[in-house]
Amino acid sequence: MTQAAPDRLDSATCEPSLARRVRVTVNGDMLRCVTAYDATAGWVEILAHADNGFLEHCDGDFVKRRIYGKIRAVLMPEREI
């Protein structure tokens, strides 16, 4: 059984170990490089990738994109070491 993730998450202010365990889907499609999400408001913020697969940046900062849709976040179990 999977645990529910927080309804909102911002990886800049959240515990890194928690942020790494969250898997986010928008309309059923899993996203990578999620920096923040709000499941109630229906948006996810991700790091933008150029056509060549590299992260986009502008003036020294990474470009972020906001995607809207049906958000589902799942907290994956911690791995045993």
PDB file of N, CA and C in Angstrom:
ATOM      1  N   MET A   1       0.842  -1.184   0.000  1.00  0.00           N
ATOM      2  CA  MET A   1       0.000   0.000   0.000  1.00  0.00           C
ATOM      3  C   MET A   1       0.880   1.238   0.000  1.00  0.00           C
ATOM      4  N   THR A   2       0.511   2.243  -0.795  1.00  0.00           N
ATOM      5  CA  THR A   2       1.287   3.463  -0.870  1.00  0.00           C
ATOM      6  C   THR A   2       0.691   4.507   0.058  1.00  0.00           C
ATOM      7  N   GLN A   3       1.561   5.320   0.624  1.00  0.00           N
ATOM      8  CA  GLN A   3       1.130   6.390   1.495  1.00  0.00           C
ATOM      9  C   GLN A   3       0.775   7.615   0.670  1.00  0.00           C
ATOM     10  N   ALA A   4      -0.070   8.451   1.236  1.00  0.00           N
ATOM     11  CA  ALA A   4      -0.402   9.705   0.562  1.00  0.00           C
ATOM     12  C   ALA A   4       0.714  10.715   0.805  1.00  0.00           C
ATOM     13  N   ALA A   5       1.045  11.449  -0.196  1.00  0.00           N
ATOM     14  CA  ALA A   5       2.042  12.507  -0.083  1.00  0.00           C
ATOM     15  C   ALA A   5       1.345  13.773   0.421  1.00  0.00           C
ATOM     16  N   PRO A   6       2.114  14.770   0.823  1.00  0.00           N
ATOM     17  CA  PRO A   6       1.498  16.037   1.224  1.00  0.00           C
ATOM     18  C   PRO A   6       0.699  16.638   0.062  1.00  0.00           C
ATOM     19  N   ASP A   7      -0.342  17.388   0.393  1.00  0.00           N
ATOM     20  CA  ASP A   7      -1.176  18.032  -0.629  1.00  0.00           C
ATOM     21  C   ASP A   7      -0.400  19.092  -1.396  1.00  0.00           C
ATOM     22  N   ARG A   8       0.561  19.720  -0.724  1.00  0.00           N
ATOM     23  CA  ARG A   8       1.426  20.736  -1.351  1.00  0.00           C
ATOM     24  C   ARG A   8       2.864  20.421  -1.008  1.00  0.00           C
ATOM     25  N   LEU A   9       3.760  20.779  -1.920  1.00  0.00           N
ATOM     26  CA  LEU A   9       5.175  20.566  -1.663  1.00  0.00           C
ATOM     27  C   LEU A   9       5.979  21.593  -2.437  1.00  0.00           C
ATOM     28  N   ASP A  10       6.980  22.149  -1.786  1.00  0.00           N
ATOM     29  CA  ASP A  10       7.943  23.039  -2.426  1.00  0.00           C
ATOM     30  C   ASP A  10       9.315  22.511  -2.041  1.00  0.00           C
ATOM     31  N   SER A  11      10.054  21.985  -3.004  1.00  0.00           N
ATOM     32  CA  SER A  11      11.323  21.324  -2.695  1.00  0.00           C
ATOM     33  C   SER A  11      12.358  22.287  -2.123  1.00  0.00           C
ATOM     34  N   ALA A  12      12.170  23.597  -2.309  1.00  0.00           N
ATOM     35  CA  ALA A  12      13.112  24.564  -1.756  1.00  0.00           C
ATOM     36  C   ALA A  12      12.972  24.683  -0.239  1.00  0.00           C
ATOM     37  N   THR A  13      11.778  24.443   0.291  1.00  0.00           N
ATOM     38  CA  THR A  13      11.555  24.590   1.732  1.00  0.00           C
ATOM     39  C   THR A  13      11.284  23.274   2.437  1.00  0.00           C
ATOM     40  N   CYS A  14      11.136  22.202   1.686  1.00  0.00           N
ATOM     41  CA  CYS A  14      10.790  20.905   2.259  1.00  0.00           C
ATOM     42  C   CYS A  14      12.053  20.102   2.565  1.00  0.00           C
ATOM     43  N   GLU A  15      11.926  19.144   3.447  1.00  0.00           N
ATOM     44  CA  GLU A  15      13.031  18.236   3.761  1.00  0.00           C
ATOM     45  C   GLU A  15      13.424  17.469   2.496  1.00  0.00           C
ATOM     46  N   PRO A  16      14.705  17.494   2.101  1.00  0.00           N
ATOM     47  CA  PRO A  16      15.133  16.831   0.852  1.00  0.00           C
ATOM     48  C   PRO A  16      14.798  15.344   0.807  1.00  0.00           C
ATOM     49  N   SER A  17      14.884  14.656   1.939  1.00  0.00           N
ATOM     50  CA  SER A  17      14.588  13.214   1.937  1.00  0.00           C
ATOM     51  C   SER A  17      13.112  12.956   1.625  1.00  0.00           C
ATOM     52  N   LEU A  18      12.235  13.859   2.029  1.00  0.00           N
ATOM     53  CA  LEU A  18      10.809  13.724   1.712  1.00  0.00           C
ATOM     54  C   LEU A  18      10.574  14.034   0.233  1.00  0.00           C
ATOM     55  N   ALA A  19      11.170  15.107  -0.274  1.00  0.00           N
ATOM     56  CA  ALA A  19      10.970  15.505  -1.670  1.00  0.00           C
ATOM     57  C   ALA A  19      11.418  14.411  -2.637  1.00  0.00           C
ATOM     58  N   ARG A  20      12.483  13.691  -2.311  1.00  0.00           N
ATOM     59  CA  ARG A  20      12.973  12.612  -3.188  1.00  0.00           C
ATOM     60  C   ARG A  20      12.008  11.432  -3.249  1.00  0.00           C
ATOM     61  N   ARG A  21      11.179  11.269  -2.232  1.00  0.00           N
ATOM     62  CA  ARG A  21      10.271  10.122  -2.176  1.00  0.00           C
ATOM     63  C   ARG A  21       8.931  10.361  -2.860  1.00  0.00           C
ATOM     64  N   VAL A  22       8.641  11.598  -3.231  1.00  0.00           N
ATOM     65  CA  VAL A  22       7.340  11.924  -3.827  1.00  0.00           C
ATOM     66  C   VAL A  22       7.374  11.691  -5.336  1.00  0.00           C
ATOM     67  N   ARG A  23       6.383  10.976  -5.844  1.00  0.00           N
ATOM     68  CA  ARG A  23       6.199  10.766  -7.284  1.00  0.00           C
ATOM     69  C   ARG A  23       4.924  11.484  -7.684  1.00  0.00           C
ATOM     70  N   VAL A  24       5.022  12.338  -8.698  1.00  0.00           N
ATOM     71  CA  VAL A  24       3.901  13.185  -9.100  1.00  0.00           C
ATOM     72  C   VAL A  24       3.479  12.849 -10.519  1.00  0.00           C
ATOM     73  N   THR A  25       2.166  12.708 -10.714  1.00  0.00           N
ATOM     74  CA  THR A  25       1.622  12.534 -12.057  1.00  0.00           C
ATOM     75  C   THR A  25       0.630  13.657 -12.336  1.00  0.00           C
ATOM     76  N   VAL A  26       0.565  14.052 -13.604  1.00  0.00           N
ATOM     77  CA  VAL A  26      -0.413  15.027 -14.074  1.00  0.00           C
ATOM     78  C   VAL A  26      -1.207  14.341 -15.175  1.00  0.00           C
ATOM     79  N   ASN A  27      -2.497  14.224 -14.960  1.00  0.00           N
ATOM     80  CA  ASN A  27      -3.381  13.536 -15.906  1.00  0.00           C
ATOM     81  C   ASN A  27      -2.845  12.148 -16.251  1.00  0.00           C
ATOM     82  N   GLY A  28      -2.231  11.476 -15.273  1.00  0.00           N
ATOM     83  CA  GLY A  28      -1.743  10.115 -15.449  1.00  0.00           C
ATOM     84  C   GLY A  28      -0.316   9.998 -15.957  1.00  0.00           C
ATOM     85  N   ASP A  29       0.323  11.089 -16.339  1.00  0.00           N
ATOM     86  CA  ASP A  29       1.703  11.062 -16.837  1.00  0.00           C
ATOM     87  C   ASP A  29       2.666  11.439 -15.721  1.00  0.00           C
ATOM     88  N   MET A  30       3.658  10.561 -15.437  1.00  0.00           N
ATOM     89  CA  MET A  30       4.631  10.853 -14.398  1.00  0.00           C
ATOM     90  C   MET A  30       5.606  11.920 -14.879  1.00  0.00           C
ATOM     91  N   LEU A  31       5.925  12.843 -13.999  1.00  0.00           N
ATOM     92  CA  LEU A  31       6.841  13.928 -14.321  1.00  0.00           C
ATOM     93  C   LEU A  31       8.141  13.769 -13.544  1.00  0.00           C
ATOM     94  N   ARG A  32       9.230  14.273 -14.157  1.00  0.00           N
ATOM     95  CA  ARG A  32      10.501  14.316 -13.446  1.00  0.00           C
ATOM     96  C   ARG A  32      10.851  15.773 -13.208  1.00  0.00           C
ATOM     97  N   CYS A  33      11.822  15.979 -12.362  1.00  0.00           N
ATOM     98  CA  CYS A  33      12.327  17.320 -12.048  1.00  0.00           C
ATOM     99  C   CYS A  33      11.233  18.230 -11.491  1.00  0.00           C
ATOM    100  N   VAL A  34      10.383  17.689 -10.629  1.00  0.00           N
ATOM    101  CA  VAL A  34       9.323  18.472  -9.985  1.00  0.00           C
ATOM    102  C   VAL A  34       9.955  19.308  -8.876  1.00  0.00           C
ATOM    103  N   THR A  35       9.705  20.608  -8.906  1.00  0.00           N
ATOM    104  CA  THR A  35      10.230  21.487  -7.865  1.00  0.00           C
ATOM    105  C   THR A  35       9.155  21.891  -6.869  1.00  0.00           C
ATOM    106  N   ALA A  36       7.892  21.861  -7.286  1.00  0.00           N
ATOM    107  CA  ALA A  36       6.783  22.204  -6.398  1.00  0.00           C
ATOM    108  C   ALA A  36       5.487  21.699  -7.017  1.00  0.00           C
ATOM    109  N   TYR A  37       4.484  21.505  -6.156  1.00  0.00           N
ATOM    110  CA  TYR A  37       3.157  21.155  -6.659  1.00  0.00           C
ATOM    111  C   TYR A  37       2.112  21.547  -5.639  1.00  0.00           C
ATOM    112  N   ASP A  38       0.885  21.686  -6.104  1.00  0.00           N
ATOM    113  CA  ASP A  38      -0.277  21.919  -5.251  1.00  0.00           C
ATOM    114  C   ASP A  38      -1.414  21.098  -5.855  1.00  0.00           C
ATOM    115  N   ALA A  39      -1.712  19.981  -5.224  1.00  0.00           N
ATOM    116  CA  ALA A  39      -2.722  19.067  -5.769  1.00  0.00           C
ATOM    117  C   ALA A  39      -4.117  19.683  -5.737  1.00  0.00           C
ATOM    118  N   THR A  40      -4.429  20.487  -4.727  1.00  0.00           N
ATOM    119  CA  THR A  40      -5.747  21.109  -4.629  1.00  0.00           C
ATOM    120  C   THR A  40      -5.942  22.145  -5.731  1.00  0.00           C
ATOM    121  N   ALA A  41      -4.934  22.971  -5.964  1.00  0.00           N
ATOM    122  CA  ALA A  41      -5.028  24.002  -7.006  1.00  0.00           C
ATOM    123  C   ALA A  41      -4.834  23.408  -8.398  1.00  0.00           C
ATOM    124  N   GLY A  42      -4.235  22.204  -8.496  1.00  0.00           N
ATOM    125  CA  GLY A  42      -4.099  21.525  -9.779  1.00  0.00           C
ATOM    126  C   GLY A  42      -2.929  21.968 -10.628  1.00  0.00           C
ATOM    127  N   TRP A  43      -1.764  22.229  -9.994  1.00  0.00           N
ATOM    128  CA  TRP A  43      -0.591  22.601 -10.781  1.00  0.00           C
ATOM    129  C   TRP A  43       0.668  21.925 -10.251  1.00  0.00           C
ATOM    130  N   VAL A  44       1.627  21.795 -11.169  1.00  0.00           N
ATOM    131  CA  VAL A  44       2.950  21.252 -10.855  1.00  0.00           C
ATOM    132  C   VAL A  44       3.973  22.172 -11.508  1.00  0.00           C
ATOM    133  N   GLU A  45       5.057  22.438 -10.807  1.00  0.00           N
ATOM    134  CA  GLU A  45       6.142  23.230 -11.368  1.00  0.00           C
ATOM    135  C   GLU A  45       7.328  22.300 -11.592  1.00  0.00           C
ATOM    136  N   ILE A  46       7.868  22.315 -12.813  1.00  0.00           N
ATOM    137  CA  ILE A  46       8.995  21.447 -13.161  1.00  0.00           C
ATOM    138  C   ILE A  46      10.125  22.275 -13.752  1.00  0.00           C
ATOM    139  N   LEU A  47      11.329  21.715 -13.732  1.00  0.00           N
ATOM    140  CA  LEU A  47      12.448  22.336 -14.433  1.00  0.00           C
ATOM    141  C   LEU A  47      12.267  22.079 -15.919  1.00  0.00           C
ATOM    142  N   ALA A  48      12.426  23.112 -16.727  1.00  0.00           N
ATOM    143  CA  ALA A  48      12.212  23.017 -18.177  1.00  0.00           C
ATOM    144  C   ALA A  48      13.418  22.381 -18.855  1.00  0.00           C
ATOM    145  N   HIS A  49      13.140  21.538 -19.846  1.00  0.00           N
ATOM    146  CA  HIS A  49      14.184  20.893 -20.652  1.00  0.00           C
ATOM    147  C   HIS A  49      14.098  21.395 -22.097  1.00  0.00           C
ATOM    148  N   ALA A  50      15.248  21.639 -22.688  1.00  0.00           N
ATOM    149  CA  ALA A  50      15.305  22.019 -24.100  1.00  0.00           C
ATOM    150  C   ALA A  50      15.097  20.769 -24.957  1.00  0.00           C
ATOM    151  N   ASP A  51      14.976  20.942 -26.256  1.00  0.00           N
ATOM    152  CA  ASP A  51      14.780  19.820 -27.168  1.00  0.00           C
ATOM    153  C   ASP A  51      15.930  18.818 -27.114  1.00  0.00           C
ATOM    154  N   ASN A  52      17.136  19.286 -26.756  1.00  0.00           N
ATOM    155  CA  ASN A  52      18.290  18.392 -26.684  1.00  0.00           C
ATOM    156  C   ASN A  52      18.367  17.628 -25.357  1.00  0.00           C
ATOM    157  N   GLY A  53      17.403  17.864 -24.459  1.00  0.00           N
ATOM    158  CA  GLY A  53      17.351  17.139 -23.206  1.00  0.00           C
ATOM    159  C   GLY A  53      18.036  17.828 -22.038  1.00  0.00           C
ATOM    160  N   PHE A  54      18.773  18.895 -22.306  1.00  0.00           N
ATOM    161  CA  PHE A  54      19.449  19.622 -21.235  1.00  0.00           C
ATOM    162  C   PHE A  54      18.486  20.594 -20.564  1.00  0.00           C
ATOM    163  N   LEU A  55      18.749  20.894 -19.294  1.00  0.00           N
ATOM    164  CA  LEU A  55      17.928  21.858 -18.581  1.00  0.00           C
ATOM    165  C   LEU A  55      18.123  23.244 -19.180  1.00  0.00           C
ATOM    166  N   GLU A  56      17.020  23.966 -19.330  1.00  0.00           N
ATOM    167  CA  GLU A  56      17.079  25.332 -19.847  1.00  0.00           C
ATOM    168  C   GLU A  56      17.459  26.274 -18.718  1.00  0.00           C
ATOM    169  N   HIS A  57      18.228  27.298 -19.056  1.00  0.00           N
ATOM    170  CA  HIS A  57      18.562  28.306 -18.058  1.00  0.00           C
ATOM    171  C   HIS A  57      18.572  29.683 -18.711  1.00  0.00           C
ATOM    172  N   CYS A  58      18.322  30.677 -17.876  1.00  0.00           N
ATOM    173  CA  CYS A  58      18.278  32.059 -18.334  1.00  0.00           C
ATOM    174  C   CYS A  58      18.863  32.930 -17.230  1.00  0.00           C
ATOM    175  N   ASP A  59      19.868  33.717 -17.572  1.00  0.00           N
ATOM    176  CA  ASP A  59      20.529  34.604 -16.607  1.00  0.00           C
ATOM    177  C   ASP A  59      21.022  33.849 -15.371  1.00  0.00           C
ATOM    178  N   GLY A  60      21.519  32.638 -15.562  1.00  0.00           N
ATOM    179  CA  GLY A  60      22.088  31.864 -14.470  1.00  0.00           C
ATOM    180  C   GLY A  60      21.097  31.069 -13.643  1.00  0.00           C
ATOM    181  N   ASP A  61      19.808  31.196 -13.905  1.00  0.00           N
ATOM    182  CA  ASP A  61      18.781  30.442 -13.181  1.00  0.00           C
ATOM    183  C   ASP A  61      18.136  29.423 -14.108  1.00  0.00           C
ATOM    184  N   PHE A  62      17.729  28.307 -13.536  1.00  0.00           N
ATOM    185  CA  PHE A  62      17.008  27.308 -14.321  1.00  0.00           C
ATOM    186  C   PHE A  62      15.596  27.798 -14.607  1.00  0.00           C
ATOM    187  N   VAL A  63      15.109  27.505 -15.803  1.00  0.00           N
ATOM    188  CA  VAL A  63      13.759  27.889 -16.209  1.00  0.00           C
ATOM    189  C   VAL A  63      12.787  26.849 -15.659  1.00  0.00           C
ATOM    190  N   LYS A  64      11.678  27.338 -15.111  1.00  0.00           N
ATOM    191  CA  LYS A  64      10.638  26.448 -14.581  1.00  0.00           C
ATOM    192  C   LYS A  64       9.374  26.627 -15.403  1.00  0.00           C
ATOM    193  N   ARG A  65       8.622  25.547 -15.526  1.00  0.00           N
ATOM    194  CA  ARG A  65       7.335  25.589 -16.222  1.00  0.00           C
ATOM    195  C   ARG A  65       6.257  25.102 -15.274  1.00  0.00           C
ATOM    196  N   ARG A  66       5.094  25.681 -15.375  1.00  0.00           N
ATOM    197  CA  ARG A  66       3.964  25.268 -14.559  1.00  0.00           C
ATOM    198  C   ARG A  66       2.981  24.533 -15.453  1.00  0.00           C
ATOM    199  N   ILE A  67       2.600  23.343 -15.032  1.00  0.00           N
ATOM    200  CA  ILE A  67       1.673  22.498 -15.784  1.00  0.00           C
ATOM    201  C   ILE A  67       0.417  22.325 -14.942  1.00  0.00           C
ATOM    202  N   TYR A  68      -0.743  22.452 -15.590  1.00  0.00           N
ATOM    203  CA  TYR A  68      -2.022  22.337 -14.895  1.00  0.00           C
ATOM    204  C   TYR A  68      -2.715  21.043 -15.293  1.00  0.00           C
ATOM    205  N   GLY A  69      -3.447  20.464 -14.359  1.00  0.00           N
ATOM    206  CA  GLY A  69      -4.202  19.251 -14.630  1.00  0.00           C
ATOM    207  C   GLY A  69      -4.581  18.549 -13.334  1.00  0.00           C
ATOM    208  N   LYS A  70      -4.964  17.285 -13.469  1.00  0.00           N
ATOM    209  CA  LYS A  70      -5.320  16.464 -12.301  1.00  0.00           C
ATOM    210  C   LYS A  70      -4.025  15.932 -11.697  1.00  0.00           C
ATOM    211  N   ILE A  71      -3.705  16.388 -10.498  1.00  0.00           N
ATOM    212  CA  ILE A  71      -2.447  16.057  -9.838  1.00  0.00           C
ATOM    213  C   ILE A  71      -2.659  14.897  -8.873  1.00  0.00           C
ATOM    214  N   ARG A  72      -1.745  13.943  -8.948  1.00  0.00           N
ATOM    215  CA  ARG A  72      -1.726  12.839  -7.986  1.00  0.00           C
ATOM    216  C   ARG A  72      -0.296  12.699  -7.497  1.00  0.00           C
ATOM    217  N   ALA A  73      -0.120  12.784  -6.200  1.00  0.00           N
ATOM    218  CA  ALA A  73       1.203  12.652  -5.595  1.00  0.00           C
ATOM    219  C   ALA A  73       1.196  11.455  -4.655  1.00  0.00           C
ATOM    220  N   VAL A  74       2.224  10.625  -4.763  1.00  0.00           N
ATOM    221  CA  VAL A  74       2.346   9.423  -3.944  1.00  0.00           C
ATOM    222  C   VAL A  74       3.695   9.463  -3.243  1.00  0.00           C
ATOM    223  N   LEU A  75       3.683   9.140  -1.967  1.00  0.00           N
ATOM    224  CA  LEU A  75       4.906   9.063  -1.193  1.00  0.00           C
ATOM    225  C   LEU A  75       5.410   7.626  -1.241  1.00  0.00           C
ATOM    226  N   MET A  76       6.573   7.438  -1.846  1.00  0.00           N
ATOM    227  CA  MET A  76       7.143   6.099  -1.983  1.00  0.00           C
ATOM    228  C   MET A  76       7.789   5.688  -0.647  1.00  0.00           C
ATOM    229  N   PRO A  77       7.800   4.383  -0.359  1.00  0.00           N
ATOM    230  CA  PRO A  77       8.406   3.933   0.901  1.00  0.00           C
ATOM    231  C   PRO A  77       9.908   4.176   0.915  1.00  0.00           C
ATOM    232  N   GLU A  78      10.436   4.381   2.122  1.00  0.00           N
ATOM    233  CA  GLU A  78      11.879   4.560   2.259  1.00  0.00           C
ATOM    234  C   GLU A  78      12.580   3.251   1.948  1.00  0.00           C
ATOM    235  N   ARG A  79      13.711   3.355   1.301  1.00  0.00           N
ATOM    236  CA  ARG A  79      14.495   2.155   0.979  1.00  0.00           C
ATOM    237  C   ARG A  79      15.279   1.724   2.198  1.00  0.00           C
ATOM    238  N   GLU A  80      15.343   0.435   2.392  1.00  0.00           N
ATOM    239  CA  GLU A  80      16.141  -0.079   3.500  1.00  0.00           C
ATOM    240  C   GLU A  80      17.571  -0.227   3.052  1.00  0.00           C
ATOM    241  N   ILE A  81      18.495   0.213   3.885  1.00  0.00           N
ATOM    242  CA  ILE A  81      19.918   0.148   3.539  1.00  0.00           C
ATOM    243  C   ILE A  81      20.546  -1.041   4.228  1.00  0.00           C
TER     244      ILE A  81
END
